[in-house]
N, C-alpha and C. Protein backbone atom coordinates (compact mmCIF):
# COMPACT_ATOMS: atom_id res chain seq x y z
N MET A 1 -85.81 24.28 -77.61
CA MET A 1 -86.09 24.29 -79.02
C MET A 1 -86.90 25.51 -79.43
N GLY A 2 -86.91 26.55 -78.60
CA GLY A 2 -87.61 27.78 -78.92
C GLY A 2 -88.94 27.95 -78.21
N GLY A 3 -89.28 27.03 -77.31
CA GLY A 3 -90.59 27.00 -76.67
C GLY A 3 -91.03 28.27 -75.98
N LYS A 4 -90.11 29.04 -75.43
CA LYS A 4 -90.54 30.24 -74.72
C LYS A 4 -91.13 31.29 -75.66
N HIS A 5 -90.95 31.11 -76.99
CA HIS A 5 -91.50 32.06 -77.96
C HIS A 5 -92.69 31.50 -78.73
N TRP A 6 -93.10 30.27 -78.46
CA TRP A 6 -94.17 29.63 -79.23
C TRP A 6 -95.53 30.22 -78.90
N ARG A 7 -96.40 30.13 -79.87
CA ARG A 7 -97.77 30.59 -79.76
C ARG A 7 -98.72 29.42 -80.01
N ASN A 8 -99.97 29.59 -79.67
CA ASN A 8 -100.94 28.55 -80.01
C ASN A 8 -101.48 28.81 -81.41
N GLY A 9 -102.41 28.00 -81.89
CA GLY A 9 -102.91 28.10 -83.24
C GLY A 9 -103.58 29.41 -83.60
N THR A 10 -104.00 30.19 -82.62
CA THR A 10 -104.67 31.47 -82.88
C THR A 10 -103.69 32.64 -82.85
N GLY A 11 -102.43 32.36 -82.54
CA GLY A 11 -101.43 33.42 -82.47
C GLY A 11 -101.24 33.97 -81.07
N ALA A 12 -102.10 33.56 -80.14
CA ALA A 12 -101.96 34.00 -78.75
C ALA A 12 -100.78 33.27 -78.10
N ALA A 13 -100.27 33.83 -77.04
CA ALA A 13 -99.18 33.17 -76.33
C ALA A 13 -99.61 31.77 -75.92
N GLY A 14 -98.80 30.81 -76.24
CA GLY A 14 -99.13 29.42 -75.91
C GLY A 14 -98.85 29.10 -74.46
N ARG A 15 -99.33 27.97 -74.02
CA ARG A 15 -99.06 27.53 -72.65
C ARG A 15 -97.91 26.56 -72.72
N TRP A 16 -96.73 27.07 -72.85
CA TRP A 16 -95.52 26.27 -72.93
C TRP A 16 -94.65 26.60 -71.73
N LEU A 17 -94.02 25.61 -71.20
CA LEU A 17 -93.06 25.78 -70.12
C LEU A 17 -93.71 26.31 -68.85
N ASP A 18 -95.02 26.14 -68.71
CA ASP A 18 -95.75 26.63 -67.55
C ASP A 18 -96.38 25.45 -66.83
N GLY A 19 -95.72 24.95 -65.81
CA GLY A 19 -96.25 23.83 -65.04
C GLY A 19 -96.23 22.51 -65.80
N ASP A 20 -97.14 21.64 -65.44
CA ASP A 20 -97.22 20.29 -66.02
C ASP A 20 -97.86 20.35 -67.41
N PRO A 21 -97.23 19.74 -68.44
CA PRO A 21 -97.79 19.82 -69.79
C PRO A 21 -99.15 19.15 -69.95
N CYS A 22 -99.41 18.10 -69.18
CA CYS A 22 -100.70 17.41 -69.29
C CYS A 22 -101.79 18.17 -68.54
N GLU A 23 -101.53 18.54 -67.32
CA GLU A 23 -102.52 19.27 -66.52
C GLU A 23 -102.85 20.63 -67.13
N ASN A 24 -101.84 21.31 -67.66
CA ASN A 24 -102.03 22.66 -68.20
C ASN A 24 -102.37 22.67 -69.68
N ARG A 25 -102.52 21.50 -70.27
CA ARG A 25 -102.93 21.39 -71.68
C ARG A 25 -102.06 22.23 -72.61
N TRP A 26 -100.76 21.95 -72.58
CA TRP A 26 -99.85 22.68 -73.45
C TRP A 26 -100.26 22.49 -74.89
N TYR A 27 -100.22 23.55 -75.67
CA TYR A 27 -100.54 23.50 -77.09
C TYR A 27 -99.55 22.56 -77.80
N GLY A 28 -100.07 21.64 -78.60
CA GLY A 28 -99.22 20.72 -79.34
C GLY A 28 -98.81 19.49 -78.56
N VAL A 29 -99.30 19.35 -77.34
CA VAL A 29 -98.97 18.19 -76.51
C VAL A 29 -100.25 17.42 -76.23
N THR A 30 -100.21 16.11 -76.48
CA THR A 30 -101.34 15.24 -76.17
C THR A 30 -100.87 14.25 -75.12
N CYS A 31 -101.73 14.00 -74.15
CA CYS A 31 -101.40 13.07 -73.06
C CYS A 31 -102.36 11.89 -73.07
N ASN A 32 -102.01 10.85 -72.34
CA ASN A 32 -102.89 9.68 -72.24
C ASN A 32 -104.14 10.05 -71.43
N ALA A 33 -105.08 9.12 -71.33
CA ALA A 33 -106.39 9.38 -70.72
C ALA A 33 -106.31 9.89 -69.28
N ASN A 34 -105.35 9.41 -68.51
CA ASN A 34 -105.27 9.87 -67.11
C ASN A 34 -104.19 10.94 -66.90
N ASP A 35 -103.74 11.54 -67.99
CA ASP A 35 -102.76 12.64 -67.94
C ASP A 35 -101.47 12.29 -67.20
N SER A 36 -101.04 11.04 -67.30
CA SER A 36 -99.80 10.65 -66.63
C SER A 36 -98.60 10.59 -67.57
N HIS A 37 -98.84 10.55 -68.89
CA HIS A 37 -97.75 10.47 -69.87
C HIS A 37 -98.05 11.32 -71.10
N VAL A 38 -97.04 11.98 -71.62
CA VAL A 38 -97.14 12.65 -72.91
C VAL A 38 -97.07 11.56 -73.97
N THR A 39 -98.06 11.52 -74.86
CA THR A 39 -98.07 10.51 -75.92
C THR A 39 -97.78 11.10 -77.30
N GLU A 40 -98.06 12.38 -77.48
CA GLU A 40 -97.81 13.02 -78.77
C GLU A 40 -97.23 14.41 -78.54
N LEU A 41 -96.24 14.74 -79.36
CA LEU A 41 -95.61 16.06 -79.26
C LEU A 41 -95.55 16.65 -80.66
N PHE A 42 -96.36 17.69 -80.90
CA PHE A 42 -96.47 18.38 -82.18
C PHE A 42 -96.32 19.89 -81.95
N PRO A 43 -95.17 20.37 -81.51
CA PRO A 43 -95.07 21.80 -81.19
C PRO A 43 -95.13 22.73 -82.39
N SER A 44 -94.81 22.26 -83.58
CA SER A 44 -94.76 23.13 -84.75
C SER A 44 -95.81 22.75 -85.77
N GLN A 45 -97.04 22.72 -85.36
CA GLN A 45 -98.12 22.36 -86.26
C GLN A 45 -98.30 23.43 -87.32
N VAL A 46 -98.70 22.98 -88.51
CA VAL A 46 -98.96 23.91 -89.59
C VAL A 46 -99.99 24.94 -89.12
N GLY A 47 -99.69 26.19 -89.36
CA GLY A 47 -100.61 27.25 -88.96
C GLY A 47 -100.31 27.87 -87.61
N SER A 48 -99.44 27.24 -86.81
CA SER A 48 -99.15 27.81 -85.50
C SER A 48 -98.11 28.92 -85.58
N GLY A 49 -97.26 28.85 -86.60
CA GLY A 49 -96.19 29.83 -86.72
C GLY A 49 -95.00 29.53 -85.83
N ASN A 50 -95.03 28.42 -85.13
CA ASN A 50 -93.93 28.06 -84.24
C ASN A 50 -92.80 27.44 -85.03
N SER A 51 -91.65 28.08 -85.01
CA SER A 51 -90.49 27.46 -85.63
C SER A 51 -89.65 26.82 -84.54
N LEU A 52 -89.03 25.73 -84.89
CA LEU A 52 -88.18 25.01 -83.95
C LEU A 52 -86.75 25.47 -84.16
N SER A 53 -86.04 25.69 -83.09
CA SER A 53 -84.65 26.12 -83.20
C SER A 53 -83.85 25.48 -82.08
N GLY A 54 -82.54 25.49 -82.24
CA GLY A 54 -81.66 24.91 -81.24
C GLY A 54 -81.49 23.43 -81.45
N THR A 55 -81.23 22.72 -80.38
CA THR A 55 -80.96 21.28 -80.45
C THR A 55 -82.07 20.49 -79.76
N ILE A 56 -82.17 19.23 -80.11
CA ILE A 56 -83.10 18.34 -79.44
C ILE A 56 -82.48 17.99 -78.08
N PRO A 57 -83.13 18.31 -76.98
CA PRO A 57 -82.52 18.05 -75.68
C PRO A 57 -82.46 16.56 -75.35
N ALA A 58 -81.44 16.17 -74.62
CA ALA A 58 -81.31 14.78 -74.17
C ALA A 58 -82.51 14.36 -73.33
N SER A 59 -83.16 15.31 -72.69
CA SER A 59 -84.32 15.01 -71.84
C SER A 59 -85.50 14.46 -72.63
N ILE A 60 -85.46 14.51 -73.97
CA ILE A 60 -86.53 13.92 -74.77
C ILE A 60 -86.70 12.45 -74.41
N GLY A 61 -85.63 11.79 -74.02
CA GLY A 61 -85.67 10.38 -73.63
C GLY A 61 -86.49 10.11 -72.38
N ASN A 62 -86.83 11.15 -71.63
CA ASN A 62 -87.64 10.99 -70.42
C ASN A 62 -89.12 10.82 -70.71
N LEU A 63 -89.54 11.06 -71.95
CA LEU A 63 -90.95 10.95 -72.33
C LEU A 63 -91.26 9.50 -72.67
N SER A 64 -91.27 8.65 -71.68
CA SER A 64 -91.35 7.20 -71.88
C SER A 64 -92.62 6.72 -72.57
N GLY A 65 -93.69 7.48 -72.54
CA GLY A 65 -94.93 7.08 -73.18
C GLY A 65 -95.13 7.69 -74.56
N LEU A 66 -94.12 8.41 -75.06
CA LEU A 66 -94.25 9.11 -76.33
C LEU A 66 -94.43 8.14 -77.50
N GLN A 67 -95.47 8.37 -78.30
CA GLN A 67 -95.77 7.54 -79.46
C GLN A 67 -95.54 8.28 -80.77
N HIS A 68 -95.83 9.58 -80.81
CA HIS A 68 -95.68 10.38 -82.02
C HIS A 68 -94.87 11.63 -81.70
N LEU A 69 -93.84 11.86 -82.50
CA LEU A 69 -92.95 13.00 -82.29
C LEU A 69 -92.80 13.74 -83.62
N VAL A 70 -93.30 14.97 -83.67
CA VAL A 70 -93.20 15.77 -84.89
C VAL A 70 -92.37 17.01 -84.59
N LEU A 71 -91.12 16.97 -84.98
CA LEU A 71 -90.22 18.11 -84.82
C LEU A 71 -89.80 18.56 -86.21
N SER A 72 -90.77 19.03 -86.95
CA SER A 72 -90.59 19.45 -88.33
C SER A 72 -90.92 20.92 -88.43
N ASN A 73 -90.22 21.63 -89.32
CA ASN A 73 -90.46 23.06 -89.46
C ASN A 73 -91.39 23.42 -90.61
N ALA A 74 -92.28 22.53 -90.99
CA ALA A 74 -93.35 22.82 -91.95
C ALA A 74 -92.88 23.57 -93.19
N PHE A 75 -92.02 22.94 -93.94
CA PHE A 75 -91.59 23.41 -95.27
C PHE A 75 -90.64 24.59 -95.26
N THR A 76 -90.01 24.87 -94.16
CA THR A 76 -89.01 25.94 -94.12
C THR A 76 -87.87 25.53 -93.20
N HIS A 77 -86.68 25.98 -93.51
CA HIS A 77 -85.52 25.70 -92.65
C HIS A 77 -85.24 26.86 -91.71
N GLU A 78 -86.10 27.87 -91.72
CA GLU A 78 -85.91 29.04 -90.87
C GLU A 78 -85.91 28.63 -89.40
N GLY A 79 -84.84 28.95 -88.70
CA GLY A 79 -84.76 28.61 -87.29
C GLY A 79 -84.74 27.12 -87.04
N ALA A 80 -84.26 26.35 -87.99
CA ALA A 80 -84.32 24.89 -87.92
C ALA A 80 -83.53 24.30 -86.76
N LEU A 81 -83.92 23.08 -86.39
CA LEU A 81 -83.16 22.32 -85.40
C LEU A 81 -81.78 22.01 -85.97
N VAL A 82 -80.80 22.02 -85.11
CA VAL A 82 -79.42 21.73 -85.50
C VAL A 82 -78.86 20.66 -84.58
N GLY A 83 -77.69 20.17 -84.91
CA GLY A 83 -77.02 19.18 -84.07
C GLY A 83 -77.45 17.78 -84.44
N SER A 84 -77.32 16.88 -83.49
CA SER A 84 -77.62 15.48 -83.74
C SER A 84 -78.80 15.01 -82.89
N ILE A 85 -79.30 13.85 -83.24
CA ILE A 85 -80.36 13.21 -82.46
C ILE A 85 -79.69 12.63 -81.22
N PRO A 86 -80.13 13.00 -80.03
CA PRO A 86 -79.46 12.52 -78.82
C PRO A 86 -79.60 11.01 -78.62
N ALA A 87 -78.62 10.41 -77.98
CA ALA A 87 -78.64 8.96 -77.71
C ALA A 87 -79.87 8.57 -76.89
N SER A 88 -80.38 9.47 -76.07
CA SER A 88 -81.55 9.19 -75.23
C SER A 88 -82.79 8.90 -76.06
N PHE A 89 -82.78 9.27 -77.33
CA PHE A 89 -83.89 8.98 -78.25
C PHE A 89 -84.20 7.49 -78.25
N ALA A 90 -83.20 6.67 -78.07
CA ALA A 90 -83.36 5.20 -78.08
C ALA A 90 -84.16 4.69 -76.89
N ARG A 91 -84.41 5.53 -75.89
CA ARG A 91 -85.21 5.11 -74.73
C ARG A 91 -86.71 5.23 -74.97
N LEU A 92 -87.10 5.76 -76.10
CA LEU A 92 -88.52 6.00 -76.39
C LEU A 92 -89.16 4.73 -76.96
N GLN A 93 -89.31 3.74 -76.11
CA GLN A 93 -89.75 2.41 -76.52
C GLN A 93 -91.17 2.33 -77.08
N GLU A 94 -92.00 3.33 -76.83
CA GLU A 94 -93.37 3.34 -77.35
C GLU A 94 -93.50 4.09 -78.68
N LEU A 95 -92.40 4.66 -79.13
CA LEU A 95 -92.41 5.51 -80.32
C LEU A 95 -92.85 4.75 -81.57
N ARG A 96 -93.79 5.36 -82.28
CA ARG A 96 -94.33 4.75 -83.50
C ARG A 96 -94.03 5.57 -84.75
N CYS A 97 -94.01 6.90 -84.62
CA CYS A 97 -93.83 7.75 -85.78
C CYS A 97 -93.02 8.99 -85.41
N VAL A 98 -92.02 9.33 -86.25
CA VAL A 98 -91.14 10.47 -86.01
C VAL A 98 -91.01 11.30 -87.28
N TYR A 99 -91.08 12.62 -87.14
CA TYR A 99 -90.86 13.55 -88.24
C TYR A 99 -89.77 14.53 -87.83
N PHE A 100 -88.64 14.49 -88.51
CA PHE A 100 -87.55 15.45 -88.31
C PHE A 100 -87.32 16.22 -89.61
N SER A 101 -88.35 16.41 -90.43
CA SER A 101 -88.21 17.04 -91.73
C SER A 101 -87.92 18.53 -91.61
N HIS A 102 -87.29 19.08 -92.66
CA HIS A 102 -86.98 20.49 -92.79
C HIS A 102 -86.16 21.01 -91.60
N SER A 103 -85.11 20.29 -91.31
CA SER A 103 -84.20 20.67 -90.23
C SER A 103 -82.77 20.72 -90.74
N ARG A 104 -81.88 20.92 -89.83
CA ARG A 104 -80.45 20.93 -90.15
C ARG A 104 -79.74 19.94 -89.22
N LEU A 105 -80.38 18.80 -89.01
CA LEU A 105 -79.79 17.78 -88.15
C LEU A 105 -78.64 17.11 -88.87
N SER A 106 -77.65 16.69 -88.11
CA SER A 106 -76.48 16.03 -88.69
C SER A 106 -76.09 14.85 -87.81
N GLY A 107 -75.15 14.07 -88.29
CA GLY A 107 -74.69 12.92 -87.52
C GLY A 107 -75.53 11.70 -87.80
N SER A 108 -75.29 10.67 -87.03
CA SER A 108 -75.96 9.38 -87.22
C SER A 108 -77.20 9.26 -86.34
N ILE A 109 -78.08 8.40 -86.76
CA ILE A 109 -79.21 8.02 -85.92
C ILE A 109 -78.62 7.14 -84.82
N PRO A 110 -78.95 7.39 -83.55
CA PRO A 110 -78.36 6.59 -82.47
C PRO A 110 -78.54 5.09 -82.70
N ALA A 111 -77.48 4.33 -82.48
CA ALA A 111 -77.50 2.87 -82.71
C ALA A 111 -78.61 2.20 -81.92
N GLY A 112 -78.90 2.68 -80.73
CA GLY A 112 -79.95 2.09 -79.89
C GLY A 112 -81.34 2.20 -80.49
N ALA A 113 -81.51 3.06 -81.50
CA ALA A 113 -82.81 3.22 -82.14
C ALA A 113 -83.26 1.94 -82.83
N ARG A 114 -82.35 1.04 -83.08
CA ARG A 114 -82.71 -0.26 -83.67
C ARG A 114 -83.64 -1.05 -82.75
N GLN A 115 -83.63 -0.73 -81.49
CA GLN A 115 -84.45 -1.43 -80.50
C GLN A 115 -85.87 -0.87 -80.40
N LEU A 116 -86.18 0.14 -81.19
CA LEU A 116 -87.51 0.75 -81.17
C LEU A 116 -88.43 -0.07 -82.07
N THR A 117 -88.88 -1.18 -81.55
CA THR A 117 -89.61 -2.18 -82.35
C THR A 117 -91.03 -1.78 -82.74
N LYS A 118 -91.56 -0.74 -82.12
CA LYS A 118 -92.92 -0.29 -82.46
C LYS A 118 -92.91 0.78 -83.56
N MET A 119 -91.71 1.19 -83.99
CA MET A 119 -91.57 2.24 -84.99
C MET A 119 -92.21 1.83 -86.31
N GLN A 120 -93.08 2.69 -86.83
CA GLN A 120 -93.74 2.45 -88.11
C GLN A 120 -93.32 3.45 -89.17
N GLY A 121 -92.88 4.62 -88.78
CA GLY A 121 -92.45 5.64 -89.73
C GLY A 121 -91.41 6.55 -89.15
N PHE A 122 -90.36 6.82 -89.93
CA PHE A 122 -89.28 7.71 -89.52
C PHE A 122 -88.96 8.60 -90.71
N PHE A 123 -89.26 9.89 -90.60
CA PHE A 123 -89.16 10.80 -91.73
C PHE A 123 -88.15 11.91 -91.46
N MET A 124 -87.18 12.04 -92.35
CA MET A 124 -86.18 13.10 -92.26
C MET A 124 -86.05 13.81 -93.61
N ARG A 125 -87.16 14.00 -94.27
CA ARG A 125 -87.17 14.63 -95.58
C ARG A 125 -86.63 16.05 -95.53
N ASP A 126 -85.88 16.41 -96.57
CA ASP A 126 -85.36 17.76 -96.75
C ASP A 126 -84.56 18.24 -95.54
N ASN A 127 -83.65 17.41 -95.09
CA ASN A 127 -82.76 17.74 -93.99
C ASN A 127 -81.45 18.23 -94.59
N LEU A 128 -81.03 19.44 -94.27
CA LEU A 128 -79.80 19.99 -94.84
C LEU A 128 -78.58 19.60 -94.04
């Protein structure tokens, strides 16, 4: 989704794609208390300048402890995510809040997402 070009909030090269995201404290990634699970993923925080591009990888479903997922391009469609939400999204049983705003996602929300019983908010505002 463009991670090799992302920066941290100060504009310096971020710690993305370098080893373990919890141990290496990747910018925009929050882990549980014992660093065994990613619980929040906010790679494109306002002010970071990180735009998301490409597709949401099927491997997103491997983040079994994920509670908050923000894959929004902060009021711009520049370099937006494209394609569809992968079926593996339905495996995120701990998911509570999702933001897919300001993207170019298409297709249906995976049918298995109905089983995400902890979901409290799902936002796809301004999706082209």
